[in-house]
């Protein structure tokens, strides 16, 4: 089985208590690679501002998307 790269990891936002303007609950975000953030239990994503920021990992649930959805997201970026 192929191991997923962080850039292939998609996260569903399940909480935005401290960041209601920056994060949308039930929206899918693509995780950006950041080993130092992972150690601190944070994830790096591009939020609603269009810039990448760190957020608590527990605000998200990792999800697996079908290949066609991943390809469609890649074309839209």
N, C-alpha and C. Protein backbone atom coordinates (compact mmCIF):
# COMPACT_ATOMS: atom_id res chain seq x y z
N UNK A 1 0.84 -1.19 0.00
CA UNK A 1 0.00 0.00 0.00
C UNK A 1 0.88 1.25 0.00
N UNK A 2 0.56 2.19 -0.86
CA UNK A 2 1.33 3.42 -0.97
C UNK A 2 1.02 4.34 0.21
N UNK A 3 2.07 4.88 0.84
CA UNK A 3 1.89 5.83 1.93
C UNK A 3 1.52 7.19 1.35
N UNK A 4 0.56 7.85 1.95
CA UNK A 4 0.13 9.16 1.48
C UNK A 4 1.14 10.22 1.90
N UNK A 5 1.42 11.14 0.98
CA UNK A 5 2.21 12.32 1.30
C UNK A 5 1.29 13.29 2.01
N UNK A 6 1.86 14.19 2.81
CA UNK A 6 1.04 15.20 3.49
C UNK A 6 0.27 16.02 2.46
N UNK A 7 0.88 16.27 1.29
CA UNK A 7 0.20 17.08 0.28
C UNK A 7 -0.99 16.34 -0.34
N UNK A 8 -1.06 15.01 -0.14
CA UNK A 8 -2.19 14.21 -0.62
C UNK A 8 -3.26 14.06 0.47
N UNK A 9 -3.00 14.66 1.64
CA UNK A 9 -3.90 14.51 2.77
C UNK A 9 -4.98 15.59 2.75
N UNK A 10 -6.21 15.15 2.86
CA UNK A 10 -7.32 16.10 2.89
C UNK A 10 -7.98 16.04 4.26
N UNK A 11 -8.40 17.20 4.73
CA UNK A 11 -8.94 17.34 6.07
C UNK A 11 -10.32 17.97 6.00
N UNK A 12 -11.25 17.43 6.77
CA UNK A 12 -12.58 18.00 6.89
C UNK A 12 -12.59 18.84 8.16
N UNK A 13 -12.94 20.10 8.04
CA UNK A 13 -13.02 20.98 9.20
C UNK A 13 -14.27 20.62 10.00
N UNK A 14 -14.08 20.33 11.29
CA UNK A 14 -15.19 19.94 12.15
C UNK A 14 -15.41 20.93 13.30
N UNK A 15 -14.55 21.94 13.37
CA UNK A 15 -14.63 22.89 14.48
C UNK A 15 -13.94 24.18 14.05
N UNK A 16 -14.47 25.32 14.43
CA UNK A 16 -13.81 26.59 14.11
C UNK A 16 -13.98 27.62 15.23
N UNK A 17 -14.18 27.15 16.46
CA UNK A 17 -14.49 28.01 17.60
C UNK A 17 -13.65 29.29 17.69
N UNK A 18 -12.36 29.17 17.62
CA UNK A 18 -11.48 30.34 17.76
C UNK A 18 -11.21 31.04 16.43
N UNK A 19 -11.67 30.45 15.32
CA UNK A 19 -11.34 31.00 14.00
C UNK A 19 -12.57 31.01 13.07
N UNK A 20 -13.69 31.57 13.48
CA UNK A 20 -14.91 31.48 12.65
C UNK A 20 -14.81 32.20 11.30
N UNK A 21 -13.95 33.18 11.19
CA UNK A 21 -13.80 33.90 9.93
C UNK A 21 -12.83 33.17 9.00
N UNK A 22 -11.89 32.44 9.58
CA UNK A 22 -10.82 31.81 8.81
C UNK A 22 -11.12 30.40 8.35
N UNK A 23 -11.97 29.68 9.09
CA UNK A 23 -12.27 28.28 8.78
C UNK A 23 -13.76 28.08 8.63
N UNK A 24 -14.14 27.24 7.67
CA UNK A 24 -15.55 26.89 7.47
C UNK A 24 -15.77 25.44 7.90
N UNK A 25 -16.65 25.25 8.85
CA UNK A 25 -17.01 23.89 9.27
C UNK A 25 -17.63 23.16 8.09
N UNK A 26 -17.30 21.89 7.94
CA UNK A 26 -17.75 20.99 6.86
C UNK A 26 -17.06 21.26 5.53
N UNK A 27 -16.04 22.10 5.51
CA UNK A 27 -15.29 22.35 4.27
C UNK A 27 -14.05 21.45 4.27
N UNK A 28 -13.66 21.01 3.08
CA UNK A 28 -12.47 20.18 2.92
C UNK A 28 -11.27 21.08 2.61
N UNK A 29 -10.20 20.88 3.34
CA UNK A 29 -8.95 21.62 3.15
C UNK A 29 -7.84 20.62 2.83
N UNK A 30 -6.87 21.04 2.04
CA UNK A 30 -5.72 20.19 1.75
C UNK A 30 -4.60 20.56 2.70
N UNK A 31 -4.06 19.56 3.37
CA UNK A 31 -2.96 19.79 4.31
C UNK A 31 -1.67 20.05 3.55
N UNK A 32 -0.94 21.05 3.98
CA UNK A 32 0.37 21.36 3.40
C UNK A 32 1.45 20.74 4.28
N UNK A 33 2.51 20.21 3.68
CA UNK A 33 3.56 19.57 4.47
C UNK A 33 4.21 20.55 5.45
N UNK A 34 4.34 20.14 6.71
CA UNK A 34 5.01 20.94 7.73
C UNK A 34 5.33 20.03 8.91
N UNK A 35 6.52 19.45 8.90
CA UNK A 35 6.92 18.49 9.93
C UNK A 35 6.96 19.12 11.31
N UNK A 36 7.41 20.36 11.41
CA UNK A 36 7.49 21.02 12.72
C UNK A 36 6.09 21.26 13.30
N UNK A 37 5.15 21.60 12.45
CA UNK A 37 3.77 21.81 12.91
C UNK A 37 3.19 20.50 13.44
N UNK A 38 3.45 19.41 12.73
CA UNK A 38 2.91 18.11 13.13
C UNK A 38 3.38 17.72 14.53
N UNK A 39 4.62 18.03 14.85
CA UNK A 39 5.17 17.73 16.18
C UNK A 39 4.37 18.47 17.26
N UNK A 40 3.90 19.64 16.93
CA UNK A 40 3.15 20.48 17.88
C UNK A 40 1.63 20.27 17.80
N UNK A 41 1.23 19.19 17.08
CA UNK A 41 -0.18 18.85 16.89
C UNK A 41 -0.96 19.95 16.19
N UNK A 42 -0.31 20.53 15.17
CA UNK A 42 -0.92 21.56 14.34
C UNK A 42 -0.91 21.08 12.89
N UNK A 43 -1.77 21.67 12.08
CA UNK A 43 -1.76 21.41 10.64
C UNK A 43 -1.66 22.74 9.92
N UNK A 44 -1.03 22.71 8.76
CA UNK A 44 -0.91 23.90 7.92
C UNK A 44 -1.86 23.74 6.74
N UNK A 45 -2.74 24.71 6.59
CA UNK A 45 -3.68 24.72 5.47
C UNK A 45 -3.79 26.13 4.91
N UNK A 46 -4.33 26.23 3.70
CA UNK A 46 -4.67 27.53 3.14
C UNK A 46 -6.11 27.80 3.59
N UNK A 47 -6.27 28.86 4.38
CA UNK A 47 -7.60 29.14 4.93
C UNK A 47 -8.39 30.11 4.04
N UNK A 48 -9.46 30.65 4.56
CA UNK A 48 -10.34 31.52 3.78
C UNK A 48 -9.70 32.84 3.37
N UNK A 49 -8.59 33.22 4.01
CA UNK A 49 -7.88 34.44 3.63
C UNK A 49 -7.06 34.24 2.36
N UNK A 50 -6.83 32.96 2.01
CA UNK A 50 -6.01 32.65 0.85
C UNK A 50 -4.54 32.43 1.20
N UNK A 51 -4.20 32.58 2.46
CA UNK A 51 -2.83 32.36 2.93
C UNK A 51 -2.79 31.09 3.78
N UNK A 52 -1.58 30.52 3.93
CA UNK A 52 -1.47 29.32 4.74
C UNK A 52 -1.14 29.69 6.19
N UNK A 53 -1.83 29.01 7.09
CA UNK A 53 -1.66 29.23 8.52
C UNK A 53 -1.74 27.89 9.25
N UNK A 54 -1.32 27.91 10.50
CA UNK A 54 -1.37 26.73 11.35
C UNK A 54 -2.65 26.75 12.19
N UNK A 55 -3.24 25.56 12.33
CA UNK A 55 -4.44 25.40 13.14
C UNK A 55 -4.31 24.12 13.96
N UNK A 56 -5.04 24.03 15.07
CA UNK A 56 -5.00 22.81 15.88
C UNK A 56 -5.50 21.60 15.07
N UNK A 57 -4.79 20.49 15.18
CA UNK A 57 -5.16 19.28 14.45
C UNK A 57 -6.56 18.82 14.82
N UNK A 58 -6.97 19.05 16.07
CA UNK A 58 -8.29 18.54 16.48
C UNK A 58 -9.46 19.35 15.90
N UNK A 59 -9.18 20.36 15.11
CA UNK A 59 -10.23 21.08 14.38
C UNK A 59 -10.58 20.36 13.08
N UNK A 60 -9.86 19.29 12.77
CA UNK A 60 -10.01 18.60 11.49
C UNK A 60 -10.05 17.09 11.67
N UNK A 61 -10.66 16.43 10.70
CA UNK A 61 -10.65 14.97 10.62
C UNK A 61 -10.08 14.63 9.25
N UNK A 62 -9.08 13.75 9.23
CA UNK A 62 -8.50 13.32 7.96
C UNK A 62 -9.53 12.48 7.22
N UNK A 63 -9.64 12.72 5.91
CA UNK A 63 -10.58 11.97 5.09
C UNK A 63 -9.86 11.47 3.84
N UNK A 64 -10.40 10.41 3.28
CA UNK A 64 -9.86 9.86 2.04
C UNK A 64 -10.85 10.18 0.93
N UNK A 65 -10.37 10.82 -0.11
CA UNK A 65 -11.22 11.18 -1.23
C UNK A 65 -11.01 10.22 -2.39
N UNK A 66 -12.03 10.00 -3.20
CA UNK A 66 -11.85 9.19 -4.40
C UNK A 66 -10.84 9.85 -5.34
N UNK A 67 -10.17 9.05 -6.12
CA UNK A 67 -9.14 9.53 -7.03
C UNK A 67 -9.66 10.64 -7.95
N UNK A 68 -10.87 10.49 -8.45
CA UNK A 68 -11.46 11.50 -9.34
C UNK A 68 -11.62 12.84 -8.63
N UNK A 69 -11.97 12.81 -7.35
CA UNK A 69 -12.13 14.05 -6.58
C UNK A 69 -10.77 14.72 -6.37
N UNK A 70 -9.75 13.93 -6.07
CA UNK A 70 -8.40 14.48 -5.89
C UNK A 70 -7.92 15.12 -7.18
N UNK A 71 -8.16 14.48 -8.30
CA UNK A 71 -7.76 15.03 -9.59
C UNK A 71 -8.52 16.31 -9.90
N UNK A 72 -9.80 16.36 -9.59
CA UNK A 72 -10.60 17.55 -9.83
C UNK A 72 -10.13 18.72 -8.96
N UNK A 73 -9.78 18.44 -7.72
CA UNK A 73 -9.26 19.47 -6.83
C UNK A 73 -7.93 20.00 -7.36
N UNK A 74 -7.08 19.09 -7.84
CA UNK A 74 -5.78 19.49 -8.39
C UNK A 74 -5.92 20.40 -9.59
N UNK A 75 -6.90 20.15 -10.43
CA UNK A 75 -7.13 20.98 -11.61
C UNK A 75 -7.69 22.33 -11.24
N UNK A 76 -8.42 22.40 -10.13
CA UNK A 76 -9.05 23.65 -9.71
C UNK A 76 -8.07 24.58 -9.01
N UNK A 77 -6.95 24.05 -8.51
CA UNK A 77 -6.00 24.88 -7.76
C UNK A 77 -5.21 25.79 -8.67
